[in-house]
């Protein structure tokens, strides 16, 4: 996939005070989304919106397009 994370999103969320327990308790993101992010999968637009709101950042601060970068799955 040519789009990938620039940063470890879960570490950034934790540093901003959003532990996985808090994310689950406050229903900020589903645990399936957290698992998807941990595995390197990309969130939906809505989930990306929530993440950017929590981190007070732009999408380009956490994801990037890398030309010619492909997975073995493709």
PDB file of N, CA and C in Angstrom:
ATOM      1  N   UNK A   1       0.845  -1.176   0.000  1.00  0.00           N
ATOM      2  CA  UNK A   1       0.000   0.000   0.000  1.00  0.00           C
ATOM      3  C   UNK A   1       0.887   1.234   0.000  1.00  0.00           C
ATOM      4  N   UNK A   2       0.553   2.187  -0.785  1.00  0.00           N
ATOM      5  CA  UNK A   2       1.372   3.381  -0.930  1.00  0.00           C
ATOM      6  C   UNK A   2       1.100   4.415   0.166  1.00  0.00           C
ATOM      7  N   UNK A   3       0.061   4.214   0.952  1.00  0.00           N
ATOM      8  CA  UNK A   3      -0.215   5.117   2.070  1.00  0.00           C
ATOM      9  C   UNK A   3       0.158   4.382   3.342  1.00  0.00           C
ATOM     10  N   UNK A   4       0.948   5.049   4.182  1.00  0.00           N
ATOM     11  CA  UNK A   4       1.384   4.417   5.426  1.00  0.00           C
ATOM     12  C   UNK A   4       1.467   5.456   6.536  1.00  0.00           C
ATOM     13  N   UNK A   5       1.621   4.953   7.754  1.00  0.00           N
ATOM     14  CA  UNK A   5       1.743   5.838   8.914  1.00  0.00           C
ATOM     15  C   UNK A   5       3.143   6.440   8.979  1.00  0.00           C
ATOM     16  N   UNK A   6       3.206   7.712   9.328  1.00  0.00           N
ATOM     17  CA  UNK A   6       4.479   8.395   9.557  1.00  0.00           C
ATOM     18  C   UNK A   6       4.912   8.242  11.003  1.00  0.00           C
ATOM     19  N   UNK A   7       3.947   8.036  11.877  1.00  0.00           N
ATOM     20  CA  UNK A   7       4.194   7.943  13.321  1.00  0.00           C
ATOM     21  C   UNK A   7       3.435   6.743  13.879  1.00  0.00           C
ATOM     22  N   UNK A   8       3.766   6.340  15.081  1.00  0.00           N
ATOM     23  CA  UNK A   8       3.011   5.304  15.768  1.00  0.00           C
ATOM     24  C   UNK A   8       1.808   5.991  16.408  1.00  0.00           C
ATOM     25  N   UNK A   9       0.657   5.827  15.807  1.00  0.00           N
ATOM     26  CA  UNK A   9      -0.549   6.526  16.235  1.00  0.00           C
ATOM     27  C   UNK A   9      -0.927   6.165  17.670  1.00  0.00           C
ATOM     28  N   UNK A  10      -0.827   4.897  18.020  1.00  0.00           N
ATOM     29  CA  UNK A  10      -1.206   4.480  19.370  1.00  0.00           C
ATOM     30  C   UNK A  10      -0.281   5.081  20.422  1.00  0.00           C
ATOM     31  N   UNK A  11       1.006   5.194  20.110  1.00  0.00           N
ATOM     32  CA  UNK A  11       1.934   5.842  21.043  1.00  0.00           C
ATOM     33  C   UNK A  11       1.616   7.323  21.178  1.00  0.00           C
ATOM     34  N   UNK A  12       1.288   7.972  20.053  1.00  0.00           N
ATOM     35  CA  UNK A  12       0.926   9.396  20.094  1.00  0.00           C
ATOM     36  C   UNK A  12      -0.329   9.611  20.924  1.00  0.00           C
ATOM     37  N   UNK A  13      -1.325   8.732  20.744  1.00  0.00           N
ATOM     38  CA  UNK A  13      -2.549   8.846  21.530  1.00  0.00           C
ATOM     39  C   UNK A  13      -2.256   8.660  23.016  1.00  0.00           C
ATOM     40  N   UNK A  14      -1.437   7.670  23.339  1.00  0.00           N
ATOM     41  CA  UNK A  14      -1.082   7.422  24.744  1.00  0.00           C
ATOM     42  C   UNK A  14      -0.361   8.625  25.340  1.00  0.00           C
ATOM     43  N   UNK A  15       0.578   9.211  24.578  1.00  0.00           N
ATOM     44  CA  UNK A  15       1.310  10.384  25.050  1.00  0.00           C
ATOM     45  C   UNK A  15       0.382  11.581  25.266  1.00  0.00           C
ATOM     46  N   UNK A  16      -0.718  11.622  24.502  1.00  0.00           N
ATOM     47  CA  UNK A  16      -1.686  12.710  24.644  1.00  0.00           C
ATOM     48  C   UNK A  16      -2.716  12.418  25.732  1.00  0.00           C
ATOM     49  N   UNK A  17      -2.551  11.284  26.438  1.00  0.00           N
ATOM     50  CA  UNK A  17      -3.443  10.967  27.540  1.00  0.00           C
ATOM     51  C   UNK A  17      -4.581  10.029  27.181  1.00  0.00           C
ATOM     52  N   UNK A  18      -4.523   9.443  26.003  1.00  0.00           N
ATOM     53  CA  UNK A  18      -5.581   8.543  25.546  1.00  0.00           C
ATOM     54  C   UNK A  18      -5.070   7.105  25.532  1.00  0.00           C
ATOM     55  N   UNK A  19      -5.109   6.458  26.693  1.00  0.00           N
ATOM     56  CA  UNK A  19      -4.718   5.053  26.789  1.00  0.00           C
ATOM     57  C   UNK A  19      -5.779   4.211  26.089  1.00  0.00           C
ATOM     58  N   UNK A  20      -5.446   2.964  25.811  1.00  0.00           N
ATOM     59  CA  UNK A  20      -6.428   2.079  25.178  1.00  0.00           C
ATOM     60  C   UNK A  20      -7.637   1.898  26.083  1.00  0.00           C
ATOM     61  N   UNK A  21      -7.418   1.882  27.386  1.00  0.00           N
ATOM     62  CA  UNK A  21      -8.535   1.775  28.324  1.00  0.00           C
ATOM     63  C   UNK A  21      -9.444   2.999  28.215  1.00  0.00           C
ATOM     64  N   UNK A  22      -8.865   4.178  28.157  1.00  0.00           N
ATOM     65  CA  UNK A  22      -9.670   5.403  28.041  1.00  0.00           C
ATOM     66  C   UNK A  22     -10.402   5.450  26.701  1.00  0.00           C
ATOM     67  N   UNK A  23      -9.722   5.056  25.650  1.00  0.00           N
ATOM     68  CA  UNK A  23     -10.350   5.030  24.325  1.00  0.00           C
ATOM     69  C   UNK A  23     -11.571   4.126  24.342  1.00  0.00           C
ATOM     70  N   UNK A  24     -11.437   2.952  24.988  1.00  0.00           N
ATOM     71  CA  UNK A  24     -12.543   1.994  25.070  1.00  0.00           C
ATOM     72  C   UNK A  24     -13.645   2.522  25.987  1.00  0.00           C
ATOM     73  N   UNK A  25     -13.278   2.993  27.172  1.00  0.00           N
ATOM     74  CA  UNK A  25     -14.253   3.453  28.163  1.00  0.00           C
ATOM     75  C   UNK A  25     -15.070   4.628  27.648  1.00  0.00           C
ATOM     76  N   UNK A  26     -14.409   5.585  27.009  1.00  0.00           N
ATOM     77  CA  UNK A  26     -15.105   6.775  26.498  1.00  0.00           C
ATOM     78  C   UNK A  26     -15.675   6.569  25.102  1.00  0.00           C
ATOM     79  N   UNK A  27     -15.494   5.359  24.560  1.00  0.00           N
ATOM     80  CA  UNK A  27     -16.013   4.995  23.231  1.00  0.00           C
ATOM     81  C   UNK A  27     -15.562   5.978  22.158  1.00  0.00           C
ATOM     82  N   UNK A  28     -14.275   6.334  22.216  1.00  0.00           N
ATOM     83  CA  UNK A  28     -13.709   7.256  21.232  1.00  0.00           C
ATOM     84  C   UNK A  28     -13.451   6.540  19.909  1.00  0.00           C
ATOM     85  N   UNK A  29     -12.943   5.321  19.999  1.00  0.00           N
ATOM     86  CA  UNK A  29     -12.705   4.458  18.839  1.00  0.00           C
ATOM     87  C   UNK A  29     -13.020   3.035  19.275  1.00  0.00           C
ATOM     88  N   UNK A  30     -13.489   2.231  18.341  1.00  0.00           N
ATOM     89  CA  UNK A  30     -13.741   0.834  18.653  1.00  0.00           C
ATOM     90  C   UNK A  30     -12.435   0.060  18.781  1.00  0.00           C
ATOM     91  N   UNK A  31     -12.473  -1.015  19.519  1.00  0.00           N
ATOM     92  CA  UNK A  31     -11.270  -1.834  19.683  1.00  0.00           C
ATOM     93  C   UNK A  31     -10.853  -2.473  18.368  1.00  0.00           C
ATOM     94  N   UNK A  32     -11.792  -2.696  17.463  1.00  0.00           N
ATOM     95  CA  UNK A  32     -11.416  -3.223  16.144  1.00  0.00           C
ATOM     96  C   UNK A  32     -10.588  -2.194  15.382  1.00  0.00           C
ATOM     97  N   UNK A  33     -10.874  -0.922  15.587  1.00  0.00           N
ATOM     98  CA  UNK A  33     -10.098   0.150  14.943  1.00  0.00           C
ATOM     99  C   UNK A  33      -8.694   0.180  15.537  1.00  0.00           C
ATOM    100  N   UNK A  34      -8.598   0.054  16.851  1.00  0.00           N
ATOM    101  CA  UNK A  34      -7.298   0.046  17.523  1.00  0.00           C
ATOM    102  C   UNK A  34      -6.469  -1.135  17.002  1.00  0.00           C
ATOM    103  N   UNK A  35      -7.101  -2.301  16.883  1.00  0.00           N
ATOM    104  CA  UNK A  35      -6.399  -3.481  16.356  1.00  0.00           C
ATOM    105  C   UNK A  35      -5.953  -3.261  14.921  1.00  0.00           C
ATOM    106  N   UNK A  36      -6.813  -2.628  14.117  1.00  0.00           N
ATOM    107  CA  UNK A  36      -6.475  -2.349  12.719  1.00  0.00           C
ATOM    108  C   UNK A  36      -5.267  -1.416  12.637  1.00  0.00           C
ATOM    109  N   UNK A  37      -5.249  -0.379  13.460  1.00  0.00           N
ATOM    110  CA  UNK A  37      -4.130   0.566  13.486  1.00  0.00           C
ATOM    111  C   UNK A  37      -2.851  -0.145  13.928  1.00  0.00           C
ATOM    112  N   UNK A  38      -2.963  -0.971  14.962  1.00  0.00           N
ATOM    113  CA  UNK A  38      -1.802  -1.716  15.466  1.00  0.00           C
ATOM    114  C   UNK A  38      -1.199  -2.598  14.365  1.00  0.00           C
ATOM    115  N   UNK A  39      -2.059  -3.151  13.508  1.00  0.00           N
ATOM    116  CA  UNK A  39      -1.609  -4.029  12.425  1.00  0.00           C
ATOM    117  C   UNK A  39      -1.159  -3.246  11.184  1.00  0.00           C
ATOM    118  N   UNK A  40      -1.242  -1.910  11.246  1.00  0.00           N
ATOM    119  CA  UNK A  40      -0.807  -1.097  10.120  1.00  0.00           C
ATOM    120  C   UNK A  40      -1.907  -0.764   9.138  1.00  0.00           C
ATOM    121  N   UNK A  41      -3.138  -1.190   9.443  1.00  0.00           N
ATOM    122  CA  UNK A  41      -4.273  -0.869   8.579  1.00  0.00           C
ATOM    123  C   UNK A  41      -4.686   0.580   8.740  1.00  0.00           C
ATOM    124  N   UNK A  42      -5.265   1.117   7.698  1.00  0.00           N
ATOM    125  CA  UNK A  42      -5.667   2.524   7.731  1.00  0.00           C
ATOM    126  C   UNK A  42      -7.094   2.680   8.223  1.00  0.00           C
ATOM    127  N   UNK A  43      -7.360   3.732   8.991  1.00  0.00           N
ATOM    128  CA  UNK A  43      -8.713   3.973   9.497  1.00  0.00           C
ATOM    129  C   UNK A  43      -9.611   4.554   8.414  1.00  0.00           C
ATOM    130  N   UNK A  44     -10.912   4.547   8.688  1.00  0.00           N
ATOM    131  CA  UNK A  44     -11.863   5.195   7.788  1.00  0.00           C
ATOM    132  C   UNK A  44     -11.713   6.712   7.922  1.00  0.00           C
ATOM    133  N   UNK A  45     -12.409   7.447   7.070  1.00  0.00           N
ATOM    134  CA  UNK A  45     -12.367   8.914   7.163  1.00  0.00           C
ATOM    135  C   UNK A  45     -12.861   9.383   8.526  1.00  0.00           C
ATOM    136  N   UNK A  46     -13.947   8.779   8.999  1.00  0.00           N
ATOM    137  CA  UNK A  46     -14.496   9.178  10.300  1.00  0.00           C
ATOM    138  C   UNK A  46     -13.489   8.909  11.419  1.00  0.00           C
ATOM    139  N   UNK A  47     -12.882   7.732  11.391  1.00  0.00           N
ATOM    140  CA  UNK A  47     -11.900   7.377  12.416  1.00  0.00           C
ATOM    141  C   UNK A  47     -10.679   8.287  12.354  1.00  0.00           C
ATOM    142  N   UNK A  48     -10.252   8.618  11.139  1.00  0.00           N
ATOM    143  CA  UNK A  48      -9.132   9.544  10.967  1.00  0.00           C
ATOM    144  C   UNK A  48      -9.495  10.923  11.525  1.00  0.00           C
ATOM    145  N   UNK A  49     -10.742  11.325  11.320  1.00  0.00           N
ATOM    146  CA  UNK A  49     -11.228  12.594  11.861  1.00  0.00           C
ATOM    147  C   UNK A  49     -11.157  12.590  13.385  1.00  0.00           C
ATOM    148  N   UNK A  50     -11.579  11.498  14.010  1.00  0.00           N
ATOM    149  CA  UNK A  50     -11.539  11.379  15.476  1.00  0.00           C
ATOM    150  C   UNK A  50     -10.090  11.430  15.962  1.00  0.00           C
ATOM    151  N   UNK A  51      -9.208  10.663  15.313  1.00  0.00           N
ATOM    152  CA  UNK A  51      -7.796  10.632  15.708  1.00  0.00           C
ATOM    153  C   UNK A  51      -7.171  12.015  15.604  1.00  0.00           C
ATOM    154  N   UNK A  52      -7.417  12.702  14.492  1.00  0.00           N
ATOM    155  CA  UNK A  52      -6.854  14.045  14.311  1.00  0.00           C
ATOM    156  C   UNK A  52      -7.419  15.016  15.347  1.00  0.00           C
ATOM    157  N   UNK A  53      -8.684  14.860  15.699  1.00  0.00           N
ATOM    158  CA  UNK A  53      -9.277  15.707  16.731  1.00  0.00           C
ATOM    159  C   UNK A  53      -8.636  15.473  18.091  1.00  0.00           C
ATOM    160  N   UNK A  54      -8.401  14.216  18.425  1.00  0.00           N
ATOM    161  CA  UNK A  54      -7.779  13.891  19.708  1.00  0.00           C
ATOM    162  C   UNK A  54      -6.339  14.384  19.777  1.00  0.00           C
ATOM    163  N   UNK A  55      -5.622  14.242  18.663  1.00  0.00           N
ATOM    164  CA  UNK A  55      -4.205  14.632  18.633  1.00  0.00           C
ATOM    165  C   UNK A  55      -3.998  16.086  18.230  1.00  0.00           C
ATOM    166  N   UNK A  56      -5.085  16.744  17.850  1.00  0.00           N
ATOM    167  CA  UNK A  56      -5.009  18.142  17.393  1.00  0.00           C
ATOM    168  C   UNK A  56      -3.955  18.281  16.289  1.00  0.00           C
ATOM    169  N   UNK A  57      -4.148  17.471  15.239  1.00  0.00           N
ATOM    170  CA  UNK A  57      -3.204  17.474  14.121  1.00  0.00           C
ATOM    171  C   UNK A  57      -3.949  17.341  12.802  1.00  0.00           C
ATOM    172  N   UNK A  58      -3.224  17.400  11.722  1.00  0.00           N
ATOM    173  CA  UNK A  58      -3.757  17.212  10.383  1.00  0.00           C
ATOM    174  C   UNK A  58      -3.478  15.777   9.936  1.00  0.00           C
ATOM    175  N   UNK A  59      -4.286  15.229   9.023  1.00  0.00           N
ATOM    176  CA  UNK A  59      -4.032  13.872   8.534  1.00  0.00           C
ATOM    177  C   UNK A  59      -2.609  13.678   8.024  1.00  0.00           C
ATOM    178  N   UNK A  60      -2.068  14.689   7.378  1.00  0.00           N
ATOM    179  CA  UNK A  60      -0.709  14.611   6.851  1.00  0.00           C
ATOM    180  C   UNK A  60       0.363  14.514   7.928  1.00  0.00           C
ATOM    181  N   UNK A  61      -0.010  14.787   9.168  1.00  0.00           N
ATOM    182  CA  UNK A  61       0.934  14.645  10.273  1.00  0.00           C
ATOM    183  C   UNK A  61       1.106  13.187  10.694  1.00  0.00           C
ATOM    184  N   UNK A  62       0.121  12.334  10.329  1.00  0.00           N
ATOM    185  CA  UNK A  62       0.206  10.943  10.753  1.00  0.00           C
ATOM    186  C   UNK A  62       0.268   9.928   9.615  1.00  0.00           C
ATOM    187  N   UNK A  63      -0.177  10.314   8.414  1.00  0.00           N
ATOM    188  CA  UNK A  63      -0.075   9.398   7.272  1.00  0.00           C
ATOM    189  C   UNK A  63       0.623  10.088   6.120  1.00  0.00           C
ATOM    190  N   UNK A  64       1.188   9.259   5.224  1.00  0.00           N
ATOM    191  CA  UNK A  64       1.878   9.806   4.066  1.00  0.00           C
ATOM    192  C   UNK A  64       1.720   8.876   2.878  1.00  0.00           C
ATOM    193  N   UNK A  65       1.858   9.434   1.696  1.00  0.00           N
ATOM    194  CA  UNK A  65       1.855   8.671   0.462  1.00  0.00           C
ATOM    195  C   UNK A  65       3.300   8.442   0.061  1.00  0.00           C
ATOM    196  N   UNK A  66       3.637   7.190  -0.212  1.00  0.00           N
ATOM    197  CA  UNK A  66       4.993   6.850  -0.635  1.00  0.00           C
ATOM    198  C   UNK A  66       4.890   6.208  -2.016  1.00  0.00           C
ATOM    199  N   UNK A  67       5.321   6.933  -3.020  1.00  0.00           N
ATOM    200  CA  UNK A  67       5.216   6.453  -4.393  1.00  0.00           C
ATOM    201  C   UNK A  67       6.037   5.163  -4.568  1.00  0.00           C
ATOM    202  N   UNK A  68       5.412   4.186  -5.198  1.00  0.00           N
ATOM    203  CA  UNK A  68       6.102   2.938  -5.492  1.00  0.00           C
ATOM    204  C   UNK A  68       6.174   1.966  -4.328  1.00  0.00           C
ATOM    205  N   UNK A  69       5.668   2.345  -3.169  1.00  0.00           N
ATOM    206  CA  UNK A  69       5.688   1.464  -2.008  1.00  0.00           C
ATOM    207  C   UNK A  69       4.515   0.504  -2.121  1.00  0.00           C
ATOM    208  N   UNK A  70       4.799  -0.796  -2.163  1.00  0.00           N
ATOM    209  CA  UNK A  70       3.736  -1.781  -2.296  1.00  0.00           C
ATOM    210  C   UNK A  70       3.900  -2.880  -1.255  1.00  0.00           C
ATOM    211  N   UNK A  71       2.794  -3.503  -0.905  1.00  0.00           N
ATOM    212  CA  UNK A  71       2.801  -4.648   0.019  1.00  0.00           C
ATOM    213  C   UNK A  71       2.957  -5.933  -0.770  1.00  0.00           C
ATOM    214  N   UNK A  72       3.312  -6.975  -0.097  1.00  0.00           N
ATOM    215  CA  UNK A  72       3.388  -8.295  -0.714  1.00  0.00           C
ATOM    216  C   UNK A  72       1.989  -8.784  -1.104  1.00  0.00           C
ATOM    217  N   UNK A  73       0.944  -8.241  -0.448  1.00  0.00           N
ATOM    218  CA  UNK A  73      -0.434  -8.639  -0.732  1.00  0.00           C
ATOM    219  C   UNK A  73      -0.888  -8.202  -2.103  1.00  0.00           C
ATOM    220  N   UNK A  74      -0.339  -7.133  -2.622  1.00  0.00           N
ATOM    221  CA  UNK A  74      -0.799  -6.591  -3.897  1.00  0.00           C
ATOM    222  C   UNK A  74      -0.244  -7.360  -5.064  1.00  0.00           C
TER     223      UNK A  74
END
